[in-house]
Amino acid sequence: AYDKTRFNNAISINSFKVATSTKYICCDCGYIEEYFD
């Protein structure tokens, strides 16, 4: 799951730059891993 428009996947670096993450989600148990690629 990767969505650049959602800010809950992001860290603000400064007022102009946001780092977005990619989430890997298990659809059976709900376990999540999140990476800044």
PDB file of all heavy atoms in Angstrom:
ATOM      1  N   ALA A   1       0.841  -1.192   0.000  1.00  0.00           N
ATOM      2  CA  ALA A   1       0.000   0.000   0.000  1.00  0.00           C
ATOM      3  C   ALA A   1       0.878   1.243   0.000  1.00  0.00           C
ATOM      4  O   ALA A   1       1.684   1.444   0.908  1.00  0.00           O
ATOM      5  CB  ALA A   1      -0.908   0.001   1.215  1.00  0.00           C
ATOM      6  N   TYR A   2       0.701   2.051  -1.020  1.00  0.00           N
ATOM      7  CA  TYR A   2       1.477   3.287  -1.161  1.00  0.00           C
ATOM      8  C   TYR A   2       0.555   4.341  -1.739  1.00  0.00           C
ATOM      9  O   TYR A   2      -0.037   4.147  -2.793  1.00  0.00           O
ATOM     10  CB  TYR A   2       2.668   3.050  -2.090  1.00  0.00           C
ATOM     11  CG  TYR A   2       3.424   4.302  -2.434  1.00  0.00           C
ATOM     12  CD1 TYR A   2       4.319   4.852  -1.526  1.00  0.00           C
ATOM     13  CD2 TYR A   2       3.258   4.928  -3.653  1.00  0.00           C
ATOM     14  CE1 TYR A   2       5.025   5.991  -1.835  1.00  0.00           C
ATOM     15  CE2 TYR A   2       3.962   6.067  -3.967  1.00  0.00           C
ATOM     16  CZ  TYR A   2       4.849   6.601  -3.054  1.00  0.00           C
ATOM     17  OH  TYR A   2       5.540   7.734  -3.362  1.00  0.00           O
ATOM     18  N   ASP A   3       0.397   5.433  -1.018  1.00  0.00           N
ATOM     19  CA  ASP A   3      -0.472   6.497  -1.487  1.00  0.00           C
ATOM     20  C   ASP A   3       0.147   7.828  -1.110  1.00  0.00           C
ATOM     21  O   ASP A   3       0.145   8.214   0.055  1.00  0.00           O
ATOM     22  CB  ASP A   3      -1.872   6.355  -0.870  1.00  0.00           C
ATOM     23  CG  ASP A   3      -2.852   7.365  -1.413  1.00  0.00           C
ATOM     24  OD1 ASP A   3      -2.460   8.254  -2.180  1.00  0.00           O
ATOM     25  OD2 ASP A   3      -4.021   7.262  -1.048  1.00  0.00           O
ATOM     26  N   LYS A   4       0.693   8.538  -2.089  1.00  0.00           N
ATOM     27  CA  LYS A   4       1.387   9.793  -1.834  1.00  0.00           C
ATOM     28  C   LYS A   4       0.458  10.891  -1.325  1.00  0.00           C
ATOM     29  O   LYS A   4       0.903  11.876  -0.770  1.00  0.00           O
ATOM     30  CB  LYS A   4       2.063  10.265  -3.111  1.00  0.00           C
ATOM     31  CG  LYS A   4       3.514  10.521  -2.941  1.00  0.00           C
ATOM     32  CD  LYS A   4       4.152  10.994  -4.222  1.00  0.00           C
ATOM     33  CE  LYS A   4       5.607  11.264  -3.949  1.00  0.00           C
ATOM     34  NZ  LYS A   4       6.389  11.571  -5.082  1.00  0.00           N
ATOM     35  N   THR A   5      -0.841  10.749  -1.517  1.00  0.00           N
ATOM     36  CA  THR A   5      -1.758  11.808  -1.111  1.00  0.00           C
ATOM     37  C   THR A   5      -2.176  11.694   0.345  1.00  0.00           C
ATOM     38  O   THR A   5      -2.751  12.611   0.893  1.00  0.00           O
ATOM     39  CB  THR A   5      -3.029  11.797  -1.982  1.00  0.00           C
ATOM     40  OG1 THR A   5      -3.705  10.558  -1.786  1.00  0.00           O
ATOM     41  CG2 THR A   5      -2.687  11.964  -3.439  1.00  0.00           C
ATOM     42  N   ARG A   6      -1.887  10.594   0.997  1.00  0.00           N
ATOM     43  CA  ARG A   6      -2.310  10.400   2.392  1.00  0.00           C
ATOM     44  C   ARG A   6      -1.168  10.753   3.323  1.00  0.00           C
ATOM     45  O   ARG A   6      -0.091  10.189   3.236  1.00  0.00           O
ATOM     46  CB  ARG A   6      -2.739   8.952   2.607  1.00  0.00           C
ATOM     47  CG  ARG A   6      -3.950   8.649   1.739  1.00  0.00           C
ATOM     48  CD  ARG A   6      -4.598   7.402   2.112  1.00  0.00           C
ATOM     49  NE  ARG A   6      -4.986   7.474   3.515  1.00  0.00           N
ATOM     50  CZ  ARG A   6      -5.415   6.438   4.185  1.00  0.00           C
ATOM     51  NH1 ARG A   6      -5.520   5.279   3.608  1.00  0.00           N
ATOM     52  NH2 ARG A   6      -5.737   6.548   5.451  1.00  0.00           N
ATOM     53  N   PHE A   7      -1.410  11.678   4.218  1.00  0.00           N
ATOM     54  CA  PHE A   7      -0.343  12.153   5.082  1.00  0.00           C
ATOM     55  C   PHE A   7      -0.092  11.256   6.289  1.00  0.00           C
ATOM     56  O   PHE A   7       0.864  11.451   7.007  1.00  0.00           O
ATOM     57  CB  PHE A   7      -0.603  13.596   5.507  1.00  0.00           C
ATOM     58  CG  PHE A   7      -0.397  14.553   4.378  1.00  0.00           C
ATOM     59  CD1 PHE A   7      -1.478  15.097   3.718  1.00  0.00           C
ATOM     60  CD2 PHE A   7       0.867  14.866   3.939  1.00  0.00           C
ATOM     61  CE1 PHE A   7      -1.293  15.969   2.660  1.00  0.00           C
ATOM     62  CE2 PHE A   7       1.080  15.726   2.882  1.00  0.00           C
ATOM     63  CZ  PHE A   7      -0.013  16.278   2.237  1.00  0.00           C
ATOM     64  N   ASN A   8      -0.936  10.265   6.532  1.00  0.00           N
ATOM     65  CA  ASN A   8      -0.633   9.349   7.628  1.00  0.00           C
ATOM     66  C   ASN A   8       0.469   8.365   7.243  1.00  0.00           C
ATOM     67  O   ASN A   8       0.934   7.610   8.062  1.00  0.00           O
ATOM     68  CB  ASN A   8      -1.886   8.613   8.103  1.00  0.00           C
ATOM     69  CG  ASN A   8      -2.499   7.748   7.028  1.00  0.00           C
ATOM     70  OD1 ASN A   8      -2.150   7.852   5.864  1.00  0.00           O
ATOM     71  ND2 ASN A   8      -3.427   6.905   7.408  1.00  0.00           N
ATOM     72  N   ASN A   9       0.899   8.381   5.992  1.00  0.00           N
ATOM     73  CA  ASN A   9       2.017   7.566   5.527  1.00  0.00           C
ATOM     74  C   ASN A   9       3.288   8.399   5.403  1.00  0.00           C
ATOM     75  O   ASN A   9       4.232   7.967   4.777  1.00  0.00           O
ATOM     76  CB  ASN A   9       1.731   7.005   4.134  1.00  0.00           C
ATOM     77  CG  ASN A   9       0.742   5.883   4.144  1.00  0.00           C
ATOM     78  OD1 ASN A   9       0.048   5.684   5.103  1.00  0.00           O
ATOM     79  ND2 ASN A   9       0.680   5.161   3.067  1.00  0.00           N
ATOM     80  N   ALA A  10       3.316   9.606   5.982  1.00  0.00           N
ATOM     81  CA  ALA A  10       4.397  10.526   5.674  1.00  0.00           C
ATOM     82  C   ALA A  10       5.018  11.135   6.926  1.00  0.00           C
ATOM     83  O   ALA A  10       4.409  11.186   7.986  1.00  0.00           O
ATOM     84  CB  ALA A  10       3.877  11.634   4.773  1.00  0.00           C
ATOM     85  N   ILE A  11       6.245  11.602   6.747  1.00  0.00           N
ATOM     86  CA  ILE A  11       6.950  12.390   7.752  1.00  0.00           C
ATOM     87  C   ILE A  11       7.345  13.697   7.091  1.00  0.00           C
ATOM     88  O   ILE A  11       7.942  13.696   6.011  1.00  0.00           O
ATOM     89  CB  ILE A  11       8.208  11.664   8.263  1.00  0.00           C
ATOM     90  CG1 ILE A  11       7.824  10.439   9.080  1.00  0.00           C
ATOM     91  CG2 ILE A  11       9.071  12.593   9.095  1.00  0.00           C
ATOM     92  CD1 ILE A  11       9.009   9.663   9.597  1.00  0.00           C
ATOM     93  N   SER A  12       7.020  14.791   7.737  1.00  0.00           N
ATOM     94  CA  SER A  12       7.382  16.101   7.217  1.00  0.00           C
ATOM     95  C   SER A  12       8.865  16.343   7.470  1.00  0.00           C
ATOM     96  O   SER A  12       9.324  16.276   8.609  1.00  0.00           O
ATOM     97  CB  SER A  12       6.547  17.180   7.905  1.00  0.00           C
ATOM     98  OG  SER A  12       6.980  18.444   7.479  1.00  0.00           O
ATOM     99  N   ILE A  13       9.590  16.604   6.408  1.00  0.00           N
ATOM    100  CA  ILE A  13      11.019  16.878   6.528  1.00  0.00           C
ATOM    101  C   ILE A  13      11.237  18.381   6.685  1.00  0.00           C
ATOM    102  O   ILE A  13      12.025  18.825   7.485  1.00  0.00           O
ATOM    103  CB  ILE A  13      11.781  16.317   5.314  1.00  0.00           C
ATOM    104  CG1 ILE A  13      11.659  14.795   5.335  1.00  0.00           C
ATOM    105  CG2 ILE A  13      13.229  16.759   5.323  1.00  0.00           C
ATOM    106  CD1 ILE A  13      12.189  14.101   4.132  1.00  0.00           C
ATOM    107  N   ASN A  14      10.523  19.150   5.899  1.00  0.00           N
ATOM    108  CA  ASN A  14      10.484  20.600   6.052  1.00  0.00           C
ATOM    109  C   ASN A  14       9.170  21.081   5.452  1.00  0.00           C
ATOM    110  O   ASN A  14       8.327  20.264   5.078  1.00  0.00           O
ATOM    111  CB  ASN A  14      11.712  21.275   5.423  1.00  0.00           C
ATOM    112  CG  ASN A  14      11.836  21.020   3.938  1.00  0.00           C
ATOM    113  OD1 ASN A  14      10.856  21.085   3.196  1.00  0.00           O
ATOM    114  ND2 ASN A  14      13.047  20.733   3.483  1.00  0.00           N
ATOM    115  N   SER A  15       8.979  22.378   5.330  1.00  0.00           N
ATOM    116  CA  SER A  15       7.685  22.874   4.860  1.00  0.00           C
ATOM    117  C   SER A  15       7.411  22.562   3.391  1.00  0.00           C
ATOM    118  O   SER A  15       6.278  22.674   2.940  1.00  0.00           O
ATOM    119  CB  SER A  15       7.572  24.378   5.112  1.00  0.00           C
ATOM    120  OG  SER A  15       8.668  25.055   4.560  1.00  0.00           O
ATOM    121  N   PHE A  16       8.424  22.132   2.659  1.00  0.00           N
ATOM    122  CA  PHE A  16       8.243  21.814   1.240  1.00  0.00           C
ATOM    123  C   PHE A  16       8.395  20.334   0.909  1.00  0.00           C
ATOM    124  O   PHE A  16       8.051  19.897  -0.166  1.00  0.00           O
ATOM    125  CB  PHE A  16       9.246  22.598   0.384  1.00  0.00           C
ATOM    126  CG  PHE A  16       9.136  24.072   0.562  1.00  0.00           C
ATOM    127  CD1 PHE A  16      10.076  24.763   1.296  1.00  0.00           C
ATOM    128  CD2 PHE A  16       8.083  24.771  -0.004  1.00  0.00           C
ATOM    129  CE1 PHE A  16       9.975  26.128   1.465  1.00  0.00           C
ATOM    130  CE2 PHE A  16       7.966  26.131   0.157  1.00  0.00           C
ATOM    131  CZ  PHE A  16       8.912  26.820   0.897  1.00  0.00           C
ATOM    132  N   LYS A  17       8.934  19.552   1.823  1.00  0.00           N
ATOM    133  CA  LYS A  17       9.282  18.155   1.529  1.00  0.00           C
ATOM    134  C   LYS A  17       8.626  17.205   2.523  1.00  0.00           C
ATOM    135  O   LYS A  17       8.672  17.423   3.721  1.00  0.00           O
ATOM    136  CB  LYS A  17      10.801  17.990   1.600  1.00  0.00           C
ATOM    137  CG  LYS A  17      11.305  16.590   1.418  1.00  0.00           C
ATOM    138  CD  LYS A  17      11.504  16.270  -0.026  1.00  0.00           C
ATOM    139  CE  LYS A  17      12.204  14.926  -0.158  1.00  0.00           C
ATOM    140  NZ  LYS A  17      11.521  14.011  -0.980  1.00  0.00           N
ATOM    141  N   VAL A  18       8.021  16.159   1.979  1.00  0.00           N
ATOM    142  CA  VAL A  18       7.414  15.106   2.787  1.00  0.00           C
ATOM    143  C   VAL A  18       7.966  13.766   2.315  1.00  0.00           C
ATOM    144  O   VAL A  18       8.011  13.494   1.120  1.00  0.00           O
ATOM    145  CB  VAL A  18       5.875  15.126   2.641  1.00  0.00           C
ATOM    146  CG1 VAL A  18       5.255  13.957   3.363  1.00  0.00           C
ATOM    147  CG2 VAL A  18       5.305  16.434   3.150  1.00  0.00           C
ATOM    148  N   ALA A  19       8.411  12.945   3.254  1.00  0.00           N
ATOM    149  CA  ALA A  19       8.879  11.596   2.935  1.00  0.00           C
ATOM    150  C   ALA A  19       7.700  10.650   3.112  1.00  0.00           C
ATOM    151  O   ALA A  19       7.052  10.648   4.151  1.00  0.00           O
ATOM    152  CB  ALA A  19      10.019  11.199   3.858  1.00  0.00           C
ATOM    153  N   THR A  20       7.410   9.864   2.084  1.00  0.00           N
ATOM    154  CA  THR A  20       6.285   8.937   2.156  1.00  0.00           C
ATOM    155  C   THR A  20       6.781   7.504   2.322  1.00  0.00           C
ATOM    156  O   THR A  20       7.846   7.140   1.848  1.00  0.00           O
ATOM    157  CB  THR A  20       5.399   9.031   0.900  1.00  0.00           C
ATOM    158  OG1 THR A  20       6.204   8.810  -0.251  1.00  0.00           O
ATOM    159  CG2 THR A  20       4.730  10.379   0.800  1.00  0.00           C
ATOM    160  N   SER A  21       5.979   6.717   2.982  1.00  0.00           N
ATOM    161  CA  SER A  21       6.346   5.335   3.253  1.00  0.00           C
ATOM    162  C   SER A  21       5.488   4.377   2.442  1.00  0.00           C
ATOM    163  O   SER A  21       4.439   4.742   1.923  1.00  0.00           O
ATOM    164  CB  SER A  21       6.181   5.027   4.745  1.00  0.00           C
ATOM    165  OG  SER A  21       4.821   5.103   5.095  1.00  0.00           O
ATOM    166  N   THR A  22       5.964   3.158   2.368  1.00  0.00           N
ATOM    167  CA  THR A  22       5.229   2.065   1.753  1.00  0.00           C
ATOM    168  C   THR A  22       4.894   1.073   2.858  1.00  0.00           C
ATOM    169  O   THR A  22       5.755   0.728   3.662  1.00  0.00           O
ATOM    170  CB  THR A  22       6.077   1.375   0.675  1.00  0.00           C
ATOM    171  OG1 THR A  22       6.468   2.345  -0.287  1.00  0.00           O
ATOM    172  CG2 THR A  22       5.317   0.259   0.000  1.00  0.00           C
ATOM    173  N   LYS A  23       3.646   0.634   2.904  1.00  0.00           N
ATOM    174  CA  LYS A  23       3.223  -0.342   3.892  1.00  0.00           C
ATOM    175  C   LYS A  23       2.987  -1.686   3.227  1.00  0.00           C
ATOM    176  O   LYS A  23       2.436  -1.755   2.135  1.00  0.00           O
ATOM    177  CB  LYS A  23       1.937   0.109   4.577  1.00  0.00           C
ATOM    178  CG  LYS A  23       2.121   1.311   5.453  1.00  0.00           C
ATOM    179  CD  LYS A  23       0.832   1.693   6.128  1.00  0.00           C
ATOM    180  CE  LYS A  23       1.062   2.935   6.970  1.00  0.00           C
ATOM    181  NZ  LYS A  23      -0.149   3.433   7.575  1.00  0.00           N
ATOM    182  N   TYR A  24       3.420  -2.734   3.898  1.00  0.00           N
ATOM    183  CA  TYR A  24       3.151  -4.109   3.484  1.00  0.00           C
ATOM    184  C   TYR A  24       2.189  -4.673   4.524  1.00  0.00           C
ATOM    185  O   TYR A  24       2.511  -4.714   5.709  1.00  0.00           O
ATOM    186  CB  TYR A  24       4.440  -4.910   3.413  1.00  0.00           C
ATOM    187  CG  TYR A  24       5.343  -4.411   2.311  1.00  0.00           C
ATOM    188  CD1 TYR A  24       6.163  -3.309   2.498  1.00  0.00           C
ATOM    189  CD2 TYR A  24       5.347  -5.012   1.066  1.00  0.00           C
ATOM    190  CE1 TYR A  24       6.972  -2.825   1.483  1.00  0.00           C
ATOM    191  CE2 TYR A  24       6.151  -4.545   0.044  1.00  0.00           C
ATOM    192  CZ  TYR A  24       6.961  -3.452   0.259  1.00  0.00           C
ATOM    193  OH  TYR A  24       7.746  -2.974  -0.755  1.00  0.00           O
ATOM    194  N   ILE A  25       1.009  -5.081   4.090  1.00  0.00           N
ATOM    195  CA  ILE A  25      -0.060  -5.469   5.000  1.00  0.00           C
ATOM    196  C   ILE A  25      -0.467  -6.916   4.750  1.00  0.00           C
ATOM    197  O   ILE A  25      -0.719  -7.305   3.607  1.00  0.00           O
ATOM    198  CB  ILE A  25      -1.285  -4.558   4.798  1.00  0.00           C
ATOM    199  CG1 ILE A  25      -0.876  -3.095   4.964  1.00  0.00           C
ATOM    200  CG2 ILE A  25      -2.414  -4.939   5.746  1.00  0.00           C
ATOM    201  CD1 ILE A  25      -1.892  -2.112   4.437  1.00  0.00           C
ATOM    202  N   CYS A  26      -0.536  -7.698   5.813  1.00  0.00           N
ATOM    203  CA  CYS A  26      -1.049  -9.055   5.722  1.00  0.00           C
ATOM    204  C   CYS A  26      -2.567  -8.974   5.802  1.00  0.00           C
ATOM    205  O   CYS A  26      -3.120  -8.472   6.789  1.00  0.00           O
ATOM    206  CB  CYS A  26      -0.515  -9.921   6.855  1.00  0.00           C
ATOM    207  SG  CYS A  26      -1.262 -11.572   6.870  1.00  0.00           S
ATOM    208  N   CYS A  27      -3.243  -9.462   4.793  1.00  0.00           N
ATOM    209  CA  CYS A  27      -4.699  -9.392   4.744  1.00  0.00           C
ATOM    210  C   CYS A  27      -5.368 -10.516   5.526  1.00  0.00           C
ATOM    211  O   CYS A  27      -6.591 -10.558   5.614  1.00  0.00           O
ATOM    212  CB  CYS A  27      -5.175  -9.378   3.293  1.00  0.00           C
ATOM    213  SG  CYS A  27      -4.693  -7.862   2.455  1.00  0.00           S
ATOM    214  N   ASP A  28      -4.582 -11.421   6.123  1.00  0.00           N
ATOM    215  CA  ASP A  28      -5.163 -12.453   6.984  1.00  0.00           C
ATOM    216  C   ASP A  28      -5.138 -12.031   8.455  1.00  0.00           C
ATOM    217  O   ASP A  28      -6.162 -12.057   9.119  1.00  0.00           O
ATOM    218  CB  ASP A  28      -4.444 -13.794   6.804  1.00  0.00           C
ATOM    219  CG  ASP A  28      -4.934 -14.548   5.580  1.00  0.00           C
ATOM    220  OD1 ASP A  28      -6.107 -14.391   5.207  1.00  0.00           O
ATOM    221  OD2 ASP A  28      -4.133 -15.306   5.002  1.00  0.00           O
ATOM    222  N   CYS A  29      -3.985 -11.609   8.965  1.00  0.00           N
ATOM    223  CA  CYS A  29      -3.904 -11.281  10.397  1.00  0.00           C
ATOM    224  C   CYS A  29      -3.811  -9.783  10.680  1.00  0.00           C
ATOM    225  O   CYS A  29      -3.959  -9.363  11.816  1.00  0.00           O
ATOM    226  CB  CYS A  29      -2.731 -12.003  11.054  1.00  0.00           C
ATOM    227  SG  CYS A  29      -1.109 -11.333  10.644  1.00  0.00           S
ATOM    228  N   GLY A  30      -3.524  -8.959   9.653  1.00  0.00           N
ATOM    229  CA  GLY A  30      -3.464  -7.514   9.840  1.00  0.00           C
ATOM    230  C   GLY A  30      -2.097  -6.973  10.206  1.00  0.00           C
ATOM    231  O   GLY A  30      -1.938  -5.772  10.421  1.00  0.00           O
ATOM    232  N   TYR A  31      -1.098  -7.828  10.268  1.00  0.00           N
ATOM    233  CA  TYR A  31       0.259  -7.380  10.568  1.00  0.00           C
ATOM    234  C   TYR A  31       0.726  -6.405   9.497  1.00  0.00           C
ATOM    235  O   TYR A  31       0.449  -6.589   8.310  1.00  0.00           O
ATOM    236  CB  TYR A  31       1.189  -8.592  10.650  1.00  0.00           C
ATOM    237  CG  TYR A  31       2.627  -8.250  10.925  1.00  0.00           C
ATOM    238  CD1 TYR A  31       3.045  -7.892  12.198  1.00  0.00           C
ATOM    239  CD2 TYR A  31       3.575  -8.299   9.909  1.00  0.00           C
ATOM    240  CE1 TYR A  31       4.368  -7.581  12.460  1.00  0.00           C
ATOM    241  CE2 TYR A  31       4.898  -8.000  10.158  1.00  0.00           C
ATOM    242  CZ  TYR A  31       5.288  -7.630  11.434  1.00  0.00           C
ATOM    243  OH  TYR A  31       6.599  -7.323  11.679  1.00  0.00           O
ATOM    244  N   ILE A  32       1.455  -5.337   9.916  1.00  0.00           N
ATOM    245  CA  ILE A  32       1.922  -4.309   8.982  1.00  0.00           C
ATOM    246  C   ILE A  32       3.410  -4.080   9.175  1.00  0.00           C
ATOM    247  O   ILE A  32       3.897  -3.983  10.300  1.00  0.00           O
ATOM    248  CB  ILE A  32       1.195  -2.969   9.217  1.00  0.00           C
ATOM    249  CG1 ILE A  32      -0.291  -3.097   8.960  1.00  0.00           C
ATOM    250  CG2 ILE A  32       1.791  -1.866   8.346  1.00  0.00           C
ATOM    251  CD1 ILE A  32      -1.078  -1.855   9.327  1.00  0.00           C
ATOM    252  N   GLU A  33       4.129  -3.957   8.063  1.00  0.00           N
ATOM    253  CA  GLU A  33       5.502  -3.463   8.067  1.00  0.00           C
ATOM    254  C   GLU A  33       5.507  -2.201   7.219  1.00  0.00           C
ATOM    255  O   GLU A  33       4.837  -2.143   6.188  1.00  0.00           O
ATOM    256  CB  GLU A  33       6.471  -4.487   7.479  1.00  0.00           C
ATOM    257  CG  GLU A  33       6.689  -5.676   8.371  1.00  0.00           C
ATOM    258  CD  GLU A  33       7.712  -6.662   7.813  1.00  0.00           C
ATOM    259  OE1 GLU A  33       8.270  -6.433   6.723  1.00  0.00           O
ATOM    260  OE2 GLU A  33       7.935  -7.682   8.477  1.00  0.00           O
ATOM    261  N   GLU A  34       6.271  -1.198   7.648  1.00  0.00           N
ATOM    262  CA  GLU A  34       6.298   0.079   6.948  1.00  0.00           C
ATOM    263  C   GLU A  34       7.745   0.462   6.649  1.00  0.00           C
ATOM    264  O   GLU A  34       8.614   0.349   7.525  1.00  0.00           O
ATOM    265  CB  GLU A  34       5.639   1.144   7.825  1.00  0.00           C
ATOM    266  CG  GLU A  34       5.483   2.481   7.178  1.00  0.00           C
ATOM    267  CD  GLU A  34       4.662   3.432   8.036  1.00  0.00           C
ATOM    268  OE1 GLU A  34       4.478   3.167   9.242  1.00  0.00           O
ATOM    269  OE2 GLU A  34       4.202   4.433   7.493  1.00  0.00           O
ATOM    270  N   TYR A  35       8.010   0.904   5.415  1.00  0.00           N
ATOM    271  CA  TYR A  35       9.353   1.238   4.983  1.00  0.00           C
ATOM    272  C   TYR A  35       9.366   2.576   4.250  1.00  0.00           C
ATOM    273  O   TYR A  35       8.441   2.894   3.513  1.00  0.00           O
ATOM    274  CB  TYR A  35       9.905   0.175   4.017  1.00  0.00           C
ATOM    275  CG  TYR A  35      10.070  -1.174   4.647  1.00  0.00           C
ATOM    276  CD1 TYR A  35       9.042  -2.104   4.599  1.00  0.00           C
ATOM    277  CD2 TYR A  35      11.240  -1.523   5.305  1.00  0.00           C
ATOM    278  CE1 TYR A  35       9.176  -3.343   5.194  1.00  0.00           C
ATOM    279  CE2 TYR A  35      11.388  -2.766   5.896  1.00  0.00           C
ATOM    280  CZ  TYR A  35      10.349  -3.673   5.834  1.00  0.00           C
ATOM    281  OH  TYR A  35      10.478  -4.900   6.422  1.00  0.00           O
ATOM    282  N   PHE A  36      10.444   3.320   4.444  1.00  0.00           N
ATOM    283  CA  PHE A  36      10.730   4.487   3.631  1.00  0.00           C
ATOM    284  C   PHE A  36      11.745   4.009   2.600  1.00  0.00           C
ATOM    285  O   PHE A  36      12.915   3.815   2.901  1.00  0.00           O
ATOM    286  CB  PHE A  36      11.270   5.637   4.486  1.00  0.00           C
ATOM    287  CG  PHE A  36      10.197   6.257   5.335  1.00  0.00           C
ATOM    288  CD1 PHE A  36       9.910   5.757   6.583  1.00  0.00           C
ATOM    289  CD2 PHE A  36       9.457   7.314   4.859  1.00  0.00           C
ATOM    290  CE1 PHE A  36       8.896   6.304   7.351  1.00  0.00           C
ATOM    291  CE2 PHE A  36       8.444   7.881   5.617  1.00  0.00           C
ATOM    292  CZ  PHE A  36       8.166   7.374   6.872  1.00  0.00           C
ATOM    293  N   ASP A  37      11.275   3.777   1.387  1.00  0.00           N
ATOM    294  CA  ASP A  37      12.088   3.149   0.353  1.00  0.00           C
ATOM    295  C   ASP A  37      13.131   4.080  -0.263  1.00  0.00           C
ATOM    296  O   ASP A  37      14.177   3.626  -0.704  1.00  0.00           O
ATOM    297  CB  ASP A  37      11.192   2.596  -0.760  1.00  0.00           C
ATOM    298  CG  ASP A  37      10.294   1.475  -0.261  1.00  0.00           C
ATOM    299  OD1 ASP A  37      10.770   0.647   0.538  1.00  0.00           O
ATOM    300  OD2 ASP A  37       9.131   1.434  -0.671  1.00  0.00           O
TER     301      ASP A  37
END
